[in-house]
Protein backbone atom coordinates (compact mmCIF):
# COMPACT_ATOMS: atom_id res chain seq x y z
CA MET A 1 -106.67 -13.77 -0.99
CA SER A 2 -104.87 -11.51 1.49
CA THR A 3 -103.31 -8.28 0.34
CA GLY A 4 -100.09 -6.79 1.63
CA ALA A 5 -102.04 -4.02 3.37
CA GLU A 6 -104.03 -6.55 5.40
CA ARG A 7 -100.80 -7.94 6.86
CA HIS A 8 -99.56 -4.57 8.10
CA LEU A 9 -99.60 -4.22 11.88
CA PRO A 10 -101.12 -1.11 13.46
CA VAL A 11 -99.33 1.51 15.57
CA GLY A 12 -98.57 0.34 19.12
CA LYS A 13 -97.33 -2.80 20.84
CA LEU A 14 -97.22 -6.06 18.92
CA PRO A 15 -100.30 -8.27 19.33
CA PRO A 16 -99.78 -10.44 22.45
CA ASN A 17 -99.79 -13.77 20.59
CA LEU A 18 -97.20 -12.59 18.09
CA LEU A 19 -95.02 -11.12 20.82
CA ALA A 20 -95.21 -14.32 22.87
CA LYS A 21 -94.19 -16.36 19.81
CA ILE A 22 -91.17 -14.13 19.14
CA LEU A 23 -90.04 -14.08 22.77
CA SER A 24 -90.29 -17.87 23.04
CA GLN A 25 -87.55 -18.12 20.40
CA ALA A 26 -85.05 -15.89 22.24
CA PRO A 27 -81.74 -17.54 23.28
CA VAL A 28 -81.72 -17.51 27.09
CA ASP A 29 -78.95 -20.00 27.91
CA ASP A 30 -76.87 -17.98 30.37
CA PRO A 31 -77.38 -19.52 33.83
CA ARG A 32 -76.94 -16.08 35.42
CA LEU A 33 -80.17 -14.91 33.77
CA LEU A 34 -82.76 -15.38 36.51
CA LEU A 35 -85.66 -13.69 34.70
CA GLY A 36 -85.70 -13.23 30.95
CA PRO A 37 -88.15 -12.04 28.30
CA GLY A 38 -91.84 -12.79 28.71
CA ILE A 39 -95.32 -11.26 28.61
CA GLY A 40 -95.91 -9.10 31.66
CA LEU A 41 -92.31 -9.27 32.90
CA ASP A 42 -91.18 -5.69 33.44
CA CYS A 43 -87.45 -6.28 33.88
CA ALA A 44 -84.70 -8.77 33.22
CA VAL A 45 -82.91 -10.04 36.33
CA ILE A 46 -79.25 -11.09 36.31
CA ASP A 47 -77.33 -12.82 39.09
CA HIS A 48 -74.52 -10.45 40.10
CA GLY A 49 -73.25 -12.19 43.21
CA ALA A 50 -74.25 -10.49 46.44
CA SER A 51 -76.94 -8.48 44.68
CA LEU A 52 -79.08 -8.83 41.58
CA LEU A 53 -79.09 -6.53 38.57
CA VAL A 54 -82.53 -5.55 37.24
CA ILE A 55 -82.56 -4.12 33.72
CA LYS A 56 -85.25 -2.35 31.73
CA SER A 57 -85.37 -0.79 28.26
CA ASP A 58 -88.23 1.45 27.12
CA PRO A 59 -88.72 4.03 24.35
CA ILE A 60 -90.73 7.24 24.34
CA THR A 61 -92.65 7.44 21.06
CA PHE A 62 -96.05 9.05 21.70
CA THR A 63 -94.87 12.45 22.94
CA THR A 64 -92.12 15.00 22.31
CA GLU A 65 -92.67 17.47 25.18
CA GLU A 66 -90.22 16.84 28.07
CA ILE A 67 -89.27 13.61 26.33
CA GLY A 68 -85.95 13.26 28.17
CA TRP A 69 -87.48 13.62 31.64
CA TYR A 70 -90.24 11.26 30.54
CA ALA A 71 -87.79 8.54 29.43
CA VAL A 72 -86.10 8.43 32.82
CA GLN A 73 -89.38 8.13 34.72
CA VAL A 74 -90.92 5.26 32.74
CA ASN A 75 -87.76 3.17 32.98
CA ALA A 76 -87.33 3.92 36.69
CA ASN A 77 -90.93 2.86 37.29
CA ASP A 78 -90.26 -0.66 36.08
CA ILE A 79 -87.12 -0.95 38.20
CA ALA A 80 -89.22 0.10 41.20
CA THR A 81 -91.70 -2.74 40.60
CA THR A 82 -88.91 -5.23 41.36
CA GLY A 83 -88.17 -3.63 44.72
CA GLY A 84 -84.89 -2.38 43.27
CA GLU A 85 -83.11 0.96 43.16
CA PRO A 86 -82.43 2.55 39.75
CA ARG A 87 -78.68 3.15 39.32
CA TRP A 88 -77.25 3.48 35.79
CA LEU A 89 -78.78 4.74 32.54
CA LEU A 90 -77.84 4.34 28.89
CA VAL A 91 -79.71 6.55 26.41
CA THR A 92 -80.20 6.20 22.66
CA LEU A 93 -81.40 9.47 21.15
CA LEU A 94 -82.71 9.40 17.57
CA LEU A 95 -83.31 12.83 16.08
CA PRO A 96 -85.28 13.82 12.95
CA GLU A 97 -83.45 14.71 9.77
CA GLY A 98 -83.93 18.18 8.35
CA SER A 99 -85.19 19.81 11.54
CA THR A 100 -82.67 19.07 14.29
CA THR A 101 -80.73 22.06 15.56
CA PRO A 102 -77.84 21.85 18.05
CA GLU A 103 -80.24 23.12 20.70
CA LEU A 104 -82.54 20.07 20.46
CA PRO A 105 -80.13 17.37 21.73
CA GLU A 106 -78.84 19.80 24.35
CA LYS A 107 -82.40 20.43 25.58
CA ILE A 108 -83.33 16.73 25.70
CA ASN A 109 -80.14 15.78 27.50
CA ARG A 110 -80.67 18.53 30.08
CA GLN A 111 -84.06 16.96 30.79
CA ILE A 112 -82.43 13.53 31.15
CA TYR A 113 -79.69 14.80 33.45
CA THR A 114 -82.13 16.70 35.66
CA ALA A 115 -84.42 13.68 36.02
CA CYS A 116 -81.48 11.41 36.82
CA GLN A 117 -80.16 13.77 39.48
CA GLU A 118 -83.59 13.83 41.15
CA ILE A 119 -83.59 10.05 41.70
CA GLY A 120 -79.87 9.32 42.05
CA VAL A 121 -79.26 7.75 38.64
CA THR A 122 -75.90 8.02 36.81
CA VAL A 123 -75.80 8.34 33.02
CA ILE A 124 -73.14 5.91 31.80
CA GLY A 125 -73.39 6.11 28.01
CA GLY A 126 -75.57 5.60 24.97
CA HIS A 127 -75.78 6.84 21.39
CA THR A 128 -77.08 9.94 19.59
CA GLU A 129 -77.71 10.40 15.85
CA ILE A 130 -79.76 12.18 13.21
CA THR A 131 -81.92 9.41 11.77
CA TYR A 132 -83.27 9.10 8.25
CA GLY A 133 -87.07 9.03 7.94
CA LEU A 134 -87.98 10.37 11.40
CA ASN A 135 -90.25 13.39 11.85
CA ARG A 136 -89.95 13.54 15.65
CA PRO A 137 -87.33 12.66 18.27
CA ILE A 138 -87.33 9.23 19.90
CA VAL A 139 -85.60 8.50 23.20
CA ILE A 140 -84.80 4.90 24.20
CA GLY A 141 -83.58 4.37 27.73
CA THR A 142 -81.93 1.29 29.22
CA LEU A 143 -81.86 1.52 32.99
CA ILE A 144 -79.95 -0.80 35.29
CA GLY A 145 -80.90 -1.16 38.93
CA GLU A 146 -79.91 -3.23 41.93
CA VAL A 147 -81.90 -5.25 44.43
CA ASP A 148 -80.94 -7.53 47.31
CA ARG A 149 -81.42 -11.16 46.43
CA GLN A 150 -83.95 -11.68 49.23
CA ARG A 151 -86.01 -8.63 48.27
CA LEU A 152 -86.62 -9.27 44.56
CA ILE A 153 -90.26 -8.84 43.50
CA THR A 154 -91.54 -9.95 40.09
CA PRO A 155 -95.02 -10.25 38.51
CA GLN A 156 -94.54 -14.03 38.73
CA GLY A 157 -94.88 -13.82 42.50
CA ALA A 158 -98.61 -13.04 42.73
CA ARG A 159 -100.43 -15.86 44.56
CA PRO A 160 -104.03 -17.11 44.74
CA GLY A 161 -105.96 -15.11 47.31
CA ASP A 162 -103.89 -11.95 46.95
CA LYS A 163 -105.76 -8.67 46.78
CA ILE A 164 -104.94 -6.40 43.84
CA LEU A 165 -104.49 -2.73 44.71
CA LEU A 166 -104.23 0.19 42.30
CA THR A 167 -102.63 3.54 43.13
CA LYS A 168 -103.57 7.04 41.91
CA GLY A 169 -105.93 6.19 39.02
CA VAL A 170 -105.89 6.14 35.22
CA PRO A 171 -104.93 7.20 32.67
CA ILE A 172 -102.45 9.75 34.00
CA GLU A 173 -99.95 9.22 31.19
CA ALA A 174 -102.55 9.31 28.43
CA THR A 175 -104.02 12.49 29.91
CA THR A 176 -100.75 14.40 29.67
CA ILE A 177 -99.92 13.00 26.22
CA LEU A 178 -103.32 13.86 24.78
CA ALA A 179 -103.31 17.34 26.33
CA ARG A 180 -99.86 18.07 24.90
CA GLU A 181 -100.17 16.43 21.47
CA PHE A 182 -103.85 17.22 20.75
CA ALA A 183 -104.22 20.62 22.40
CA GLN A 184 -105.83 22.13 19.29
CA GLU A 185 -108.51 19.43 19.14
CA LEU A 186 -109.23 19.82 22.87
CA HIS A 187 -109.24 23.63 22.89
CA PRO A 188 -113.02 24.01 22.18
CA TYR A 189 -113.90 21.67 25.07
CA LEU A 190 -111.39 22.60 27.80
CA SER A 191 -110.70 25.91 29.48
CA PRO A 192 -107.10 27.16 29.30
CA GLU A 193 -106.65 26.23 32.95
CA GLU A 194 -107.98 22.70 32.39
CA LEU A 195 -105.61 22.23 29.45
CA ARG A 196 -102.62 23.44 31.49
CA GLN A 197 -103.63 21.18 34.37
CA ALA A 198 -103.92 18.16 32.07
CA GLN A 199 -100.57 18.88 30.44
CA ASN A 200 -99.03 19.01 33.91
CA TYR A 201 -100.35 15.54 34.80
CA LEU A 202 -96.81 14.45 33.89
CA HIS A 203 -95.76 15.97 37.23
CA ASN A 204 -99.03 16.26 39.22
CA PRO A 205 -100.32 13.67 40.03
CA GLY A 206 -97.21 12.51 38.13
CA ILE A 207 -96.17 9.43 36.16
CA SER A 208 -93.55 8.30 38.70
CA ILE A 209 -94.51 5.43 41.02
CA LEU A 210 -91.24 5.24 42.97
CA THR A 211 -92.71 6.69 46.17
CA GLU A 212 -95.73 4.41 46.43
CA ALA A 213 -93.70 1.33 45.48
CA LYS A 214 -91.29 2.02 48.36
CA ILE A 215 -94.16 2.65 50.77
CA ALA A 216 -95.81 -0.64 49.82
CA ILE A 217 -92.60 -2.64 50.29
CA GLN A 218 -91.85 -1.01 53.65
CA THR A 219 -95.41 -1.47 54.95
CA GLY A 220 -96.28 -5.10 54.27
CA LYS A 221 -95.71 -8.22 52.20
CA VAL A 222 -95.78 -7.52 48.47
CA HIS A 223 -95.92 -10.55 46.19
CA ALA A 224 -95.97 -8.68 42.86
CA MET A 225 -96.09 -5.21 41.35
CA HIS A 226 -96.81 -4.19 37.78
CA ASP A 227 -96.63 -0.83 36.01
CA PRO A 228 -99.57 -0.29 33.61
CA THR A 229 -98.28 1.26 30.39
CA GLU A 230 -99.52 0.69 26.83
CA GLY A 231 -102.98 -0.85 26.79
CA GLY A 232 -103.77 0.63 30.19
CA ILE A 233 -105.33 -1.35 33.02
CA TYR A 234 -106.95 -3.82 30.62
CA THR A 235 -103.58 -4.95 29.27
CA ALA A 236 -101.81 -4.68 32.63
CA VAL A 237 -104.09 -7.15 34.43
CA TRP A 238 -103.86 -9.63 31.55
CA GLU A 239 -100.06 -9.32 31.65
CA LEU A 240 -100.07 -9.85 35.42
CA ALA A 241 -102.25 -12.95 35.00
CA GLU A 242 -99.93 -14.44 32.37
CA ALA A 243 -96.84 -13.66 34.41
CA CYS A 244 -98.09 -15.36 37.59
CA GLY A 245 -100.01 -18.17 35.84
CA CYS A 246 -103.27 -17.39 37.65
CA SER A 247 -106.66 -16.19 36.53
CA LEU A 248 -107.79 -12.84 37.92
CA PHE A 249 -111.02 -11.15 38.90
CA VAL A 250 -111.07 -7.36 38.52
CA GLU A 251 -113.71 -4.70 39.01
CA PRO A 252 -113.28 -1.96 36.39
CA GLY A 253 -115.89 0.12 38.20
CA ASN A 254 -113.50 0.48 41.15
CA VAL A 255 -110.72 2.01 39.02
CA PRO A 256 -110.45 5.75 39.73
CA VAL A 257 -110.61 7.98 36.65
CA PRO A 258 -110.01 11.68 37.41
CA PRO A 259 -112.83 13.89 36.03
CA LEU A 260 -110.42 15.80 33.77
CA SER A 261 -109.05 12.56 32.35
CA ALA A 262 -112.57 11.29 31.74
CA LYS A 263 -113.49 14.54 29.96
CA ILE A 264 -110.47 14.41 27.64
CA CYS A 265 -111.01 10.74 26.86
CA GLN A 266 -114.69 11.37 26.06
CA VAL A 267 -113.85 14.24 23.68
CA LEU A 268 -111.30 12.15 21.78
CA GLY A 269 -113.26 8.87 21.92
CA VAL A 270 -110.77 7.03 24.13
CA ASP A 271 -111.61 4.34 26.70
CA PRO A 272 -109.66 5.52 29.79
CA LEU A 273 -109.12 1.96 31.04
CA GLY A 274 -107.41 0.95 27.80
CA ALA A 275 -105.09 3.95 27.48
CA ILE A 276 -101.41 4.18 28.43
CA ALA A 277 -101.36 4.53 32.20
CA SER A 278 -97.94 5.18 33.73
CA GLY A 279 -98.46 6.82 37.10
CA ALA A 280 -100.64 3.99 38.38
CA LEU A 281 -99.22 0.94 40.15
CA LEU A 282 -100.74 -2.51 40.55
CA ILE A 283 -99.82 -4.24 43.80
CA ALA A 284 -100.60 -7.89 44.66
CA SER A 285 -100.50 -8.53 48.38
CA PRO A 286 -101.98 -11.06 50.84
CA PRO A 287 -105.23 -9.80 52.42
CA GLU A 288 -103.73 -9.32 55.87
CA ASP A 289 -101.11 -6.94 54.42
CA ALA A 290 -103.11 -5.36 51.57
CA ASP A 291 -105.41 -3.37 53.85
CA ARG A 292 -102.44 -1.93 55.75
CA ILE A 293 -100.62 -1.06 52.51
CA GLU A 294 -103.73 0.63 51.12
CA PHE A 295 -104.17 2.68 54.30
CA THR A 296 -100.51 3.71 54.48
CA ILE A 297 -100.30 4.80 50.85
CA LYS A 298 -103.46 6.87 51.33
CA SER A 299 -101.98 8.44 54.45
CA HIS A 300 -99.16 9.76 52.27
CA GLY A 301 -101.67 11.58 50.07
CA VAL A 302 -101.72 9.03 47.23
CA ASP A 303 -105.03 7.41 46.27
CA CYS A 304 -105.11 3.62 46.55
CA VAL A 305 -108.06 1.25 46.04
CA GLU A 306 -108.72 -2.46 45.83
CA VAL A 307 -109.61 -3.46 42.27
CA GLY A 308 -109.47 -7.24 42.21
CA THR A 309 -108.27 -10.63 43.42
CA ILE A 310 -105.80 -13.27 42.26
CA LEU A 311 -107.68 -16.52 41.57
CA LYS A 312 -106.30 -20.05 41.25
CA LYS A 313 -103.52 -21.22 38.95
CA GLU A 314 -104.88 -22.55 35.67
CA ASP A 315 -103.65 -23.86 32.35
CA LYS A 316 -106.04 -21.50 30.55
CA ILE A 317 -105.54 -18.11 32.15
CA GLN A 318 -108.51 -15.74 32.09
CA VAL A 319 -109.36 -12.35 33.53
CA PHE A 320 -112.94 -11.89 34.72
CA GLN A 321 -115.07 -8.88 35.55
CA PRO A 322 -118.61 -8.54 36.93
CA GLY A 323 -121.36 -9.32 34.44
CA ALA A 324 -125.14 -9.14 34.39
CA ASN A 325 -125.42 -12.83 35.27
CA GLY A 326 -122.21 -13.47 37.15
CA TRP A 327 -118.71 -13.12 35.71
CA LYS A 328 -117.68 -12.34 32.15
CA LEU A 329 -114.32 -12.01 30.43
CA LEU A 330 -112.50 -8.69 30.59
CA PRO A 331 -111.54 -7.49 27.10
CA ARG A 332 -107.88 -7.65 26.15
CA PRO A 333 -107.04 -4.84 23.73
CA GLU A 334 -104.84 -5.53 20.72
CA ARG A 335 -103.30 -2.06 21.08
CA ASP A 336 -103.44 1.08 23.16
CA GLU A 337 -106.49 3.31 22.87
CA ILE A 338 -104.46 6.38 21.93
CA ALA A 339 -102.34 4.61 19.30
CA ARG A 340 -104.94 5.07 16.57
CA LEU A 341 -104.89 8.84 17.15
CA PHE A 342 -101.26 8.88 15.99
CA GLU A 343 -101.87 6.99 12.75
């Protein structure tokens, strides 16, 4: 007989099957909704006449340092994967009871305003409150962007034969979160300079993918882009497969992991390929364009490597990796690697 405790879900994203079930029940009757909720779909797309609106909502829950700047970047990343330009931001700011001073919301909003000014985004509203039961601030951003109708890119667009490229490496986001939130645990293993460098991964190499997304679009044909977040590359490639309806072949050994990221993940027992990975960008492009895109992104000082291929469309979608005797299934994590560290 099951107990109540056994039914409790762990920290992190909902299990994929449960999420898919819930999303399948959403009312999506408005004919202007061109792309609605679904696994692996980064943004909603709404018909707005001459242009399309692309809309994304994302919270920041794993970190508190620079949380306002962080919230703008992760939402802008998903707008960029559509080929769109981020335009307007609404922010919900939930602050902890018993510890919030007037300086805290002022500090977070300064971070938000600075980040928005850097990328040309206008803050148009939102909500701020002191929330019962919280012990840390949470920022939820809803970002609205625009894209020309002919230039829309979605994860559904990946086609059989496309090469899959990955920029920068992983897990940039997890590296900065772990270095900021678990500095005491890492102190015996990292020098002060290594810890500072890891904490600064937020900015260098950085969690924004706006630059490389624009380079890819301007250089060659891009069929799909996807921003790896919770669950890292493992989850991202499964989401891409489900979105486009094709099986995938990926080579985890080709995925760049910076030495400092690998060191931090080893100390804390984290698989770097399954950890939250904003800062990387998956690009699906036909072979004749993929090589040119890879070269051009590299020429701008951003690492870019081929990590896989889009296979044929199938009813049963699978993601394969190299095995001892051919191909084997790539694991699909139920939750992000770093989520258990926050329990």
